[in-house]
Amino acid sequence: MQIKQATAADLEAVCQFYQEVCAQQQDDEYGADWHWGVYPNRDLLADRIDNGMVVEGLVNGQVATVGILTTGEDPNYRQVDWAIAAPEQQITVLHLFAVSKNFRGQGLAKQMLQKLFEFAKNKGYAVMHLDVMKGNVPAERAYVKSGFCFAGEVVLHYEDIGDTSAHMYERKL
């Protein structure tokens, strides 16, 4: 798998990737329950790509996995009692991490997460935070195997699905 920072030239392929992921979630027992056009949407992805915070994994030129990082704590996460203290500018949050259904079971999530950790550390981040919707056991297992630690359960408000229980995770970089 080729892993690289997405550029403006990759926007269409990244949008197509998320459209497919959102459509496929309807058939999954577990999933993030994203809704294309609300979260994620084209403007959000273009902004994150312009900020240099989108990393994509390609298999034979096809987008197989994507992860998006943001700088600073997510405002919805301020209620969490994080174990790893870090200044705001050294916190990154992983959003919209997904592996295409067509590429599952090949170890791509682990490879991509390792690259995201390296990418974030090279940008000066000390800790990575993320949330997983309560009940998404496969995602939680993957994150724990990659070194994330459970930090608590909170209710978060999502634009597309409203208030939802989420498990919070953190990982030192």
N, C-alpha and C. Protein backbone atom coordinates (compact mmCIF):
# COMPACT_ATOMS: atom_id res chain seq x y z
N MET A 1 0.85 -1.18 0.00
CA MET A 1 0.00 0.00 0.00
C MET A 1 0.89 1.24 0.00
N GLN A 2 0.55 2.18 -0.85
CA GLN A 2 1.24 3.47 -0.89
C GLN A 2 0.44 4.43 0.01
N ILE A 3 1.11 5.03 0.99
CA ILE A 3 0.46 5.96 1.90
C ILE A 3 1.06 7.33 1.70
N LYS A 4 0.17 8.33 1.50
CA LYS A 4 0.67 9.67 1.21
C LYS A 4 -0.31 10.73 1.70
N GLN A 5 0.20 11.94 1.81
CA GLN A 5 -0.64 13.09 2.14
C GLN A 5 -1.46 13.44 0.90
N ALA A 6 -2.76 13.58 1.08
CA ALA A 6 -3.64 13.92 -0.05
C ALA A 6 -3.42 15.38 -0.47
N THR A 7 -3.58 15.62 -1.76
CA THR A 7 -3.46 16.98 -2.31
C THR A 7 -4.79 17.34 -2.98
N ALA A 8 -4.89 18.58 -3.44
CA ALA A 8 -6.10 19.05 -4.12
C ALA A 8 -6.45 18.15 -5.31
N ALA A 9 -5.44 17.60 -5.96
CA ALA A 9 -5.67 16.71 -7.10
C ALA A 9 -6.36 15.42 -6.68
N ASP A 10 -6.33 15.09 -5.39
CA ASP A 10 -6.93 13.86 -4.88
C ASP A 10 -8.36 14.05 -4.38
N LEU A 11 -8.86 15.28 -4.39
CA LEU A 11 -10.16 15.57 -3.79
C LEU A 11 -11.28 14.70 -4.35
N GLU A 12 -11.37 14.57 -5.66
CA GLU A 12 -12.46 13.78 -6.25
C GLU A 12 -12.41 12.33 -5.79
N ALA A 13 -11.22 11.75 -5.77
CA ALA A 13 -11.08 10.35 -5.36
C ALA A 13 -11.41 10.18 -3.87
N VAL A 14 -11.01 11.14 -3.04
CA VAL A 14 -11.31 11.07 -1.61
C VAL A 14 -12.82 11.23 -1.39
N CYS A 15 -13.47 12.13 -2.11
CA CYS A 15 -14.93 12.27 -2.02
C CYS A 15 -15.63 10.98 -2.44
N GLN A 16 -15.19 10.39 -3.53
CA GLN A 16 -15.77 9.13 -4.00
C GLN A 16 -15.60 8.03 -2.95
N PHE A 17 -14.42 7.98 -2.33
CA PHE A 17 -14.15 7.00 -1.28
C PHE A 17 -15.18 7.14 -0.16
N TYR A 18 -15.39 8.36 0.34
CA TYR A 18 -16.33 8.55 1.45
C TYR A 18 -17.78 8.33 1.03
N GLN A 19 -18.12 8.64 -0.21
CA GLN A 19 -19.48 8.35 -0.68
C GLN A 19 -19.72 6.84 -0.63
N GLU A 20 -18.73 6.06 -1.07
CA GLU A 20 -18.86 4.60 -1.04
C GLU A 20 -18.90 4.07 0.39
N VAL A 21 -18.03 4.59 1.25
CA VAL A 21 -18.02 4.16 2.65
C VAL A 21 -19.37 4.44 3.30
N CYS A 22 -19.91 5.63 3.09
CA CYS A 22 -21.21 5.98 3.67
C CYS A 22 -22.32 5.06 3.16
N ALA A 23 -22.31 4.77 1.87
CA ALA A 23 -23.33 3.88 1.29
C ALA A 23 -23.19 2.46 1.83
N GLN A 24 -21.96 1.99 2.01
CA GLN A 24 -21.72 0.63 2.48
C GLN A 24 -22.09 0.45 3.95
N GLN A 25 -22.08 1.52 4.72
CA GLN A 25 -22.40 1.41 6.14
C GLN A 25 -23.81 0.90 6.38
N GLN A 26 -24.68 1.11 5.44
CA GLN A 26 -26.06 0.64 5.59
C GLN A 26 -26.11 -0.88 5.74
N ASP A 27 -25.12 -1.58 5.16
CA ASP A 27 -25.10 -3.04 5.19
C ASP A 27 -24.23 -3.59 6.32
N ASP A 28 -23.53 -2.72 7.04
CA ASP A 28 -22.62 -3.16 8.10
C ASP A 28 -23.35 -3.26 9.43
N GLU A 29 -22.98 -4.30 10.19
CA GLU A 29 -23.52 -4.42 11.55
C GLU A 29 -22.94 -3.32 12.43
N TYR A 30 -21.67 -3.00 12.18
CA TYR A 30 -20.98 -1.95 12.93
C TYR A 30 -20.62 -0.85 11.97
N GLY A 31 -20.48 0.33 12.47
CA GLY A 31 -20.05 1.42 11.61
C GLY A 31 -20.26 2.76 12.29
N ALA A 32 -19.73 3.77 11.65
CA ALA A 32 -19.77 5.11 12.24
C ALA A 32 -21.08 5.84 11.96
N ASP A 33 -21.88 5.35 11.04
CA ASP A 33 -23.16 5.96 10.68
C ASP A 33 -22.99 7.38 10.13
N TRP A 34 -22.00 7.53 9.23
CA TRP A 34 -21.79 8.82 8.57
C TRP A 34 -22.81 8.99 7.45
N HIS A 35 -23.08 10.25 7.10
CA HIS A 35 -24.06 10.56 6.06
C HIS A 35 -23.43 11.53 5.07
N TRP A 36 -23.10 11.02 3.87
CA TRP A 36 -22.44 11.85 2.87
C TRP A 36 -23.29 13.10 2.58
N GLY A 37 -22.62 14.22 2.51
CA GLY A 37 -23.29 15.49 2.26
C GLY A 37 -23.52 16.28 3.53
N VAL A 38 -23.61 15.56 4.67
CA VAL A 38 -23.71 16.20 5.98
C VAL A 38 -22.35 16.06 6.66
N TYR A 39 -22.00 14.83 6.98
CA TYR A 39 -20.69 14.51 7.54
C TYR A 39 -20.31 13.12 7.08
N PRO A 40 -19.33 13.05 6.22
CA PRO A 40 -18.51 14.13 5.65
C PRO A 40 -19.19 14.79 4.45
N ASN A 41 -18.58 15.89 4.00
CA ASN A 41 -19.05 16.55 2.79
C ASN A 41 -17.85 17.10 2.02
N ARG A 42 -18.10 17.48 0.79
CA ARG A 42 -17.03 17.92 -0.10
C ARG A 42 -16.26 19.13 0.45
N ASP A 43 -16.97 20.12 0.99
CA ASP A 43 -16.31 21.32 1.51
C ASP A 43 -15.38 20.99 2.67
N LEU A 44 -15.84 20.13 3.57
CA LEU A 44 -15.01 19.72 4.71
C LEU A 44 -13.74 19.03 4.22
N LEU A 45 -13.89 18.10 3.28
CA LEU A 45 -12.74 17.37 2.76
C LEU A 45 -11.77 18.29 2.04
N ALA A 46 -12.29 19.22 1.25
CA ALA A 46 -11.43 20.17 0.53
C ALA A 46 -10.65 21.02 1.52
N ASP A 47 -11.31 21.46 2.59
CA ASP A 47 -10.64 22.27 3.61
C ASP A 47 -9.54 21.48 4.30
N ARG A 48 -9.82 20.24 4.68
CA ARG A 48 -8.83 19.42 5.37
C ARG A 48 -7.64 19.10 4.45
N ILE A 49 -7.92 18.85 3.18
CA ILE A 49 -6.84 18.61 2.22
C ILE A 49 -5.99 19.87 2.08
N ASP A 50 -6.64 21.03 1.96
CA ASP A 50 -5.91 22.30 1.85
C ASP A 50 -5.02 22.55 3.06
N ASN A 51 -5.45 22.07 4.23
CA ASN A 51 -4.68 22.24 5.46
C ASN A 51 -3.60 21.17 5.61
N GLY A 52 -3.50 20.26 4.64
CA GLY A 52 -2.46 19.23 4.67
C GLY A 52 -2.65 18.18 5.74
N MET A 53 -3.90 17.89 6.09
CA MET A 53 -4.15 16.98 7.20
C MET A 53 -4.92 15.71 6.80
N VAL A 54 -4.94 15.40 5.51
CA VAL A 54 -5.60 14.18 5.03
C VAL A 54 -4.53 13.22 4.53
N VAL A 55 -4.58 12.00 5.04
CA VAL A 55 -3.63 10.96 4.63
C VAL A 55 -4.44 9.84 3.99
N GLU A 56 -3.98 9.40 2.81
CA GLU A 56 -4.70 8.33 2.10
C GLU A 56 -3.77 7.16 1.82
N GLY A 57 -4.36 5.98 1.82
CA GLY A 57 -3.65 4.76 1.47
C GLY A 57 -4.20 4.24 0.16
N LEU A 58 -3.31 4.02 -0.80
CA LEU A 58 -3.70 3.57 -2.13
C LEU A 58 -3.23 2.14 -2.39
N VAL A 59 -4.09 1.35 -2.98
CA VAL A 59 -3.74 0.00 -3.42
C VAL A 59 -4.02 -0.04 -4.91
N ASN A 60 -2.98 -0.28 -5.69
CA ASN A 60 -3.09 -0.27 -7.15
C ASN A 60 -3.76 1.00 -7.66
N GLY A 61 -3.40 2.13 -7.04
CA GLY A 61 -3.92 3.43 -7.47
C GLY A 61 -5.31 3.76 -6.97
N GLN A 62 -5.95 2.83 -6.27
CA GLN A 62 -7.31 3.05 -5.77
C GLN A 62 -7.26 3.42 -4.29
N VAL A 63 -8.06 4.41 -3.87
CA VAL A 63 -8.10 4.80 -2.46
C VAL A 63 -8.71 3.65 -1.66
N ALA A 64 -7.92 3.14 -0.71
CA ALA A 64 -8.35 2.01 0.11
C ALA A 64 -8.64 2.42 1.54
N THR A 65 -7.99 3.48 2.01
CA THR A 65 -8.15 3.94 3.39
C THR A 65 -7.79 5.41 3.48
N VAL A 66 -8.49 6.12 4.36
CA VAL A 66 -8.23 7.55 4.57
C VAL A 66 -8.38 7.86 6.06
N GLY A 67 -7.55 8.77 6.53
CA GLY A 67 -7.65 9.31 7.88
C GLY A 67 -7.44 10.81 7.83
N ILE A 68 -8.18 11.53 8.65
CA ILE A 68 -8.10 13.00 8.67
C ILE A 68 -7.75 13.45 10.08
N LEU A 69 -6.75 14.30 10.18
CA LEU A 69 -6.32 14.84 11.47
C LEU A 69 -6.69 16.31 11.58
N THR A 70 -6.96 16.74 12.80
CA THR A 70 -7.17 18.16 13.07
C THR A 70 -6.24 18.57 14.21
N THR A 71 -5.94 19.84 14.26
CA THR A 71 -5.06 20.38 15.30
C THR A 71 -5.88 20.89 16.47
N GLY A 72 -5.44 20.54 17.68
CA GLY A 72 -6.12 21.00 18.88
C GLY A 72 -7.27 20.09 19.27
N GLU A 73 -7.70 20.24 20.50
CA GLU A 73 -8.78 19.40 21.01
C GLU A 73 -10.09 19.72 20.32
N ASP A 74 -10.85 18.70 20.02
CA ASP A 74 -12.21 18.87 19.51
C ASP A 74 -13.04 19.47 20.65
N PRO A 75 -13.80 20.54 20.39
CA PRO A 75 -14.60 21.15 21.47
C PRO A 75 -15.51 20.15 22.18
N ASN A 76 -16.01 19.15 21.48
CA ASN A 76 -16.87 18.13 22.09
C ASN A 76 -16.11 17.21 23.04
N TYR A 77 -14.79 17.21 22.95
CA TYR A 77 -13.97 16.31 23.76
C TYR A 77 -13.51 16.94 25.07
N ARG A 78 -13.81 18.19 25.29
CA ARG A 78 -13.29 18.89 26.48
C ARG A 78 -13.85 18.30 27.79
N GLN A 79 -14.94 17.58 27.71
CA GLN A 79 -15.54 16.96 28.89
C GLN A 79 -14.83 15.69 29.33
N VAL A 80 -13.88 15.20 28.53
CA VAL A 80 -13.19 13.94 28.82
C VAL A 80 -12.01 14.20 29.76
N ASP A 81 -11.83 13.32 30.72
CA ASP A 81 -10.70 13.40 31.65
C ASP A 81 -9.54 12.59 31.05
N TRP A 82 -8.80 13.23 30.15
CA TRP A 82 -7.70 12.56 29.45
C TRP A 82 -6.55 12.26 30.41
N ALA A 83 -5.93 11.10 30.27
CA ALA A 83 -4.80 10.70 31.12
C ALA A 83 -3.50 11.35 30.67
N ILE A 84 -3.37 11.64 29.38
CA ILE A 84 -2.14 12.21 28.84
C ILE A 84 -2.33 13.71 28.67
N ALA A 85 -1.60 14.47 29.47
CA ALA A 85 -1.69 15.93 29.40
C ALA A 85 -0.81 16.44 28.27
N ALA A 86 -1.34 17.39 27.51
CA ALA A 86 -0.58 18.00 26.42
C ALA A 86 -1.14 19.38 26.14
N PRO A 87 -0.27 20.32 25.74
CA PRO A 87 -0.77 21.63 25.34
C PRO A 87 -1.66 21.51 24.09
N GLU A 88 -2.58 22.43 23.95
CA GLU A 88 -3.54 22.41 22.84
C GLU A 88 -2.88 22.17 21.48
N GLN A 89 -1.79 22.85 21.20
CA GLN A 89 -1.14 22.75 19.89
C GLN A 89 -0.45 21.39 19.68
N GLN A 90 -0.35 20.57 20.75
CA GLN A 90 0.27 19.25 20.61
C GLN A 90 -0.76 18.13 20.60
N ILE A 91 -2.04 18.49 20.53
CA ILE A 91 -3.12 17.50 20.46
C ILE A 91 -3.63 17.44 19.03
N THR A 92 -3.77 16.22 18.52
CA THR A 92 -4.42 16.03 17.23
C THR A 92 -5.57 15.06 17.42
N VAL A 93 -6.61 15.23 16.63
CA VAL A 93 -7.78 14.35 16.70
C VAL A 93 -7.92 13.65 15.36
N LEU A 94 -8.09 12.33 15.42
CA LEU A 94 -8.30 11.53 14.21
C LEU A 94 -9.80 11.47 13.92
N HIS A 95 -10.15 11.88 12.72
CA HIS A 95 -11.55 11.87 12.28
C HIS A 95 -11.69 11.03 11.01
N LEU A 96 -12.88 10.52 10.81
CA LEU A 96 -13.25 9.90 9.53
C LEU A 96 -12.26 8.83 9.07
N PHE A 97 -11.72 8.06 10.00
CA PHE A 97 -10.81 6.99 9.62
C PHE A 97 -11.63 5.82 9.10
N ALA A 98 -11.30 5.37 7.91
CA ALA A 98 -12.06 4.26 7.31
C ALA A 98 -11.19 3.47 6.36
N VAL A 99 -11.55 2.20 6.23
CA VAL A 99 -10.97 1.31 5.22
C VAL A 99 -12.13 0.86 4.34
N SER A 100 -11.95 0.95 3.04
CA SER A 100 -12.99 0.52 2.11
C SER A 100 -13.35 -0.94 2.36
N LYS A 101 -14.62 -1.23 2.25
CA LYS A 101 -15.10 -2.61 2.42
C LYS A 101 -14.37 -3.55 1.46
N ASN A 102 -13.98 -3.04 0.30
CA ASN A 102 -13.28 -3.86 -0.71
C ASN A 102 -11.88 -4.27 -0.28
N PHE A 103 -11.34 -3.62 0.76
CA PHE A 103 -9.96 -3.89 1.17
C PHE A 103 -9.86 -4.36 2.62
N ARG A 104 -10.96 -4.70 3.24
CA ARG A 104 -10.92 -5.15 4.63
C ARG A 104 -10.26 -6.52 4.74
N GLY A 105 -9.71 -6.79 5.92
CA GLY A 105 -9.10 -8.08 6.19
C GLY A 105 -7.69 -8.23 5.65
N GLN A 106 -7.08 -7.13 5.22
CA GLN A 106 -5.74 -7.18 4.65
C GLN A 106 -4.71 -6.49 5.53
N GLY A 107 -5.10 -6.08 6.72
CA GLY A 107 -4.17 -5.41 7.63
C GLY A 107 -3.91 -3.95 7.29
N LEU A 108 -4.74 -3.37 6.44
CA LEU A 108 -4.52 -1.98 6.02
C LEU A 108 -4.77 -0.98 7.15
N ALA A 109 -5.73 -1.27 8.02
CA ALA A 109 -6.02 -0.35 9.13
C ALA A 109 -4.79 -0.19 10.01
N LYS A 110 -4.16 -1.29 10.34
CA LYS A 110 -2.96 -1.23 11.19
C LYS A 110 -1.84 -0.45 10.51
N GLN A 111 -1.61 -0.73 9.23
CA GLN A 111 -0.57 -0.01 8.48
C GLN A 111 -0.86 1.48 8.44
N MET A 112 -2.10 1.81 8.16
CA MET A 112 -2.49 3.21 8.03
C MET A 112 -2.39 3.94 9.36
N LEU A 113 -2.83 3.30 10.44
CA LEU A 113 -2.74 3.94 11.75
C LEU A 113 -1.28 4.22 12.11
N GLN A 114 -0.40 3.26 11.84
CA GLN A 114 1.02 3.48 12.14
C GLN A 114 1.56 4.67 11.35
N LYS A 115 1.15 4.80 10.10
CA LYS A 115 1.60 5.93 9.28
C LYS A 115 1.01 7.24 9.81
N LEU A 116 -0.24 7.22 10.25
CA LEU A 116 -0.86 8.42 10.82
C LEU A 116 -0.14 8.84 12.10
N PHE A 117 0.28 7.88 12.93
CA PHE A 117 1.03 8.20 14.15
C PHE A 117 2.35 8.89 13.78
N GLU A 118 3.03 8.32 12.81
CA GLU A 118 4.31 8.87 12.34
C GLU A 118 4.11 10.28 11.75
N PHE A 119 3.10 10.42 10.92
CA PHE A 119 2.78 11.71 10.29
C PHE A 119 2.53 12.77 11.37
N ALA A 120 1.69 12.42 12.36
CA ALA A 120 1.34 13.36 13.43
C ALA A 120 2.56 13.71 14.29
N LYS A 121 3.34 12.71 14.63
CA LYS A 121 4.53 12.95 15.46
C LYS A 121 5.50 13.87 14.73
N ASN A 122 5.68 13.66 13.42
CA ASN A 122 6.57 14.51 12.63
C ASN A 122 6.08 15.95 12.54
N LYS A 123 4.77 16.16 12.74
CA LYS A 123 4.21 17.52 12.74
C LYS A 123 4.24 18.15 14.13
N GLY A 124 4.79 17.42 15.11
CA GLY A 124 4.95 17.98 16.45
C GLY A 124 3.85 17.67 17.44
N TYR A 125 2.95 16.77 17.10
CA TYR A 125 1.89 16.40 18.03
C TYR A 125 2.42 15.39 19.05
N ALA A 126 1.87 15.45 20.27
CA ALA A 126 2.30 14.56 21.35
C ALA A 126 1.26 13.49 21.66
N VAL A 127 -0.01 13.76 21.34
CA VAL A 127 -1.08 12.83 21.67
C VAL A 127 -2.15 12.89 20.58
N MET A 128 -2.80 11.74 20.36
CA MET A 128 -3.90 11.65 19.40
C MET A 128 -5.15 11.20 20.14
N HIS A 129 -6.26 11.88 19.89
CA HIS A 129 -7.56 11.54 20.47
C HIS A 129 -8.50 11.09 19.35
N LEU A 130 -9.50 10.30 19.72
CA LEU A 130 -10.56 9.93 18.78
C LEU A 130 -11.76 9.44 19.55
N ASP A 131 -12.89 9.35 18.84
CA ASP A 131 -14.09 8.77 19.43
C ASP A 131 -14.58 7.64 18.56
N VAL A 132 -15.23 6.68 19.21
CA VAL A 132 -15.84 5.54 18.52
C VAL A 132 -17.26 5.43 19.05
N MET A 133 -18.21 5.34 18.15
CA MET A 133 -19.60 5.17 18.60
C MET A 133 -19.70 3.90 19.44
N LYS A 134 -20.37 4.01 20.58
CA LYS A 134 -20.53 2.87 21.47
C LYS A 134 -21.14 1.70 20.69
N GLY A 135 -20.53 0.53 20.84
CA GLY A 135 -21.03 -0.65 20.15
C GLY A 135 -20.25 -1.02 18.90
N ASN A 136 -19.36 -0.14 18.44
CA ASN A 136 -18.55 -0.44 17.25
C ASN A 136 -17.32 -1.22 17.71
N VAL A 137 -17.55 -2.47 18.09
CA VAL A 137 -16.52 -3.32 18.68
C VAL A 137 -15.32 -3.54 17.76
N PRO A 138 -15.51 -3.80 16.46
CA PRO A 138 -14.34 -4.00 15.60
C PRO A 138 -13.40 -2.78 15.57
N ALA A 139 -13.97 -1.58 15.52
CA ALA A 139 -13.14 -0.37 15.50
C ALA A 139 -12.40 -0.24 16.83
N GLU A 140 -13.09 -0.49 17.93
CA GLU A 140 -12.44 -0.37 19.23
C GLU A 140 -11.28 -1.36 19.35
N ARG A 141 -11.48 -2.58 18.90
CA ARG A 141 -10.40 -3.58 18.94
C ARG A 141 -9.20 -3.12 18.13
N ALA A 142 -9.45 -2.60 16.94
CA ALA A 142 -8.35 -2.14 16.07
C ALA A 142 -7.57 -1.01 16.72
N TYR A 143 -8.27 -0.08 17.34
CA TYR A 143 -7.59 1.04 17.99
C TYR A 143 -6.77 0.58 19.19
N VAL A 144 -7.34 -0.31 20.01
CA VAL A 144 -6.61 -0.81 21.18
C VAL A 144 -5.36 -1.58 20.73
N LYS A 145 -5.49 -2.39 19.68
CA LYS A 145 -4.32 -3.13 19.16
C LYS A 145 -3.24 -2.18 18.66
N SER A 146 -3.63 -0.99 18.27
CA SER A 146 -2.67 0.00 17.76
C SER A 146 -2.16 0.94 18.85
N GLY A 147 -2.49 0.64 20.10
CA GLY A 147 -1.92 1.40 21.21
C GLY A 147 -2.80 2.46 21.84
N PHE A 148 -4.04 2.58 21.40
CA PHE A 148 -4.94 3.54 22.03
C PHE A 148 -5.43 3.00 23.37
N CYS A 149 -5.67 3.91 24.32
CA CYS A 149 -6.20 3.56 25.63
C CYS A 149 -7.58 4.20 25.81
N PHE A 150 -8.47 3.43 26.40
CA PHE A 150 -9.83 3.92 26.68
C PHE A 150 -9.76 5.06 27.68
N ALA A 151 -10.48 6.14 27.41
CA ALA A 151 -10.44 7.32 28.28
C ALA A 151 -11.81 7.66 28.87
N GLY A 152 -12.83 6.90 28.50
CA GLY A 152 -14.14 7.15 29.07
C GLY A 152 -15.26 7.10 28.05
N GLU A 153 -16.48 7.16 28.57
CA GLU A 153 -17.67 7.18 27.72
C GLU A 153 -18.38 8.51 27.94
N VAL A 154 -18.75 9.15 26.85
CA VAL A 154 -19.45 10.44 26.92
C VAL A 154 -20.56 10.46 25.87
N VAL A 155 -21.43 11.42 25.99
CA VAL A 155 -22.44 11.65 24.96
C VAL A 155 -21.94 12.81 24.11
N LEU A 156 -21.80 12.57 22.81
CA LEU A 156 -21.35 13.58 21.87
C LEU A 156 -22.49 13.95 20.94
N HIS A 157 -22.47 15.17 20.46
CA HIS A 157 -23.47 15.60 19.48
C HIS A 157 -22.83 15.60 18.09
N TYR A 158 -23.41 14.81 17.19
CA TYR A 158 -22.96 14.74 15.80
C TYR A 158 -23.97 15.48 14.93
N GLU A 159 -23.48 16.21 13.94
CA GLU A 159 -24.35 16.97 13.04
C GLU A 159 -25.40 16.08 12.37
N ASP A 160 -24.97 14.88 11.98
CA ASP A 160 -25.85 14.04 11.16
C ASP A 160 -26.74 13.09 11.94
N ILE A 161 -26.36 12.72 13.18
CA ILE A 161 -27.16 11.74 13.91
C ILE A 161 -27.59 12.19 15.30
N GLY A 162 -27.20 13.40 15.69
CA GLY A 162 -27.61 13.93 16.99
C GLY A 162 -26.76 13.42 18.14
N ASP A 163 -27.36 13.34 19.34
CA ASP A 163 -26.64 12.91 20.53
C ASP A 163 -26.46 11.39 20.53
N THR A 164 -25.22 10.97 20.77
CA THR A 164 -24.87 9.55 20.71
C THR A 164 -23.79 9.24 21.74
N SER A 165 -23.91 8.08 22.38
CA SER A 165 -22.86 7.63 23.30
C SER A 165 -21.63 7.24 22.51
N ALA A 166 -20.48 7.69 23.00
CA ALA A 166 -19.21 7.40 22.32
C ALA A 166 -18.16 7.00 23.33
N HIS A 167 -17.28 6.12 22.90
CA HIS A 167 -16.12 5.74 23.70
C HIS A 167 -14.95 6.58 23.21
N MET A 168 -14.22 7.14 24.15
CA MET A 168 -13.11 8.04 23.84
C MET A 168 -11.79 7.30 24.04
N TYR A 169 -10.86 7.55 23.12
CA TYR A 169 -9.55 6.90 23.16
C TYR A 169 -8.45 7.93 22.96
N GLU A 170 -7.29 7.62 23.55
CA GLU A 170 -6.12 8.47 23.38
C GLU A 170 -4.89 7.59 23.20
N ARG A 171 -3.89 8.18 22.52
CA ARG A 171 -2.63 7.46 22.30
C ARG A 171 -1.50 8.46 22.32
N LYS A 172 -0.48 8.15 23.09
CA LYS A 172 0.72 8.99 23.10
C LYS A 172 1.47 8.73 21.81
N LEU A 173 2.01 9.79 21.23
CA LEU A 173 2.75 9.66 19.97
C LEU A 173 4.25 9.65 20.22
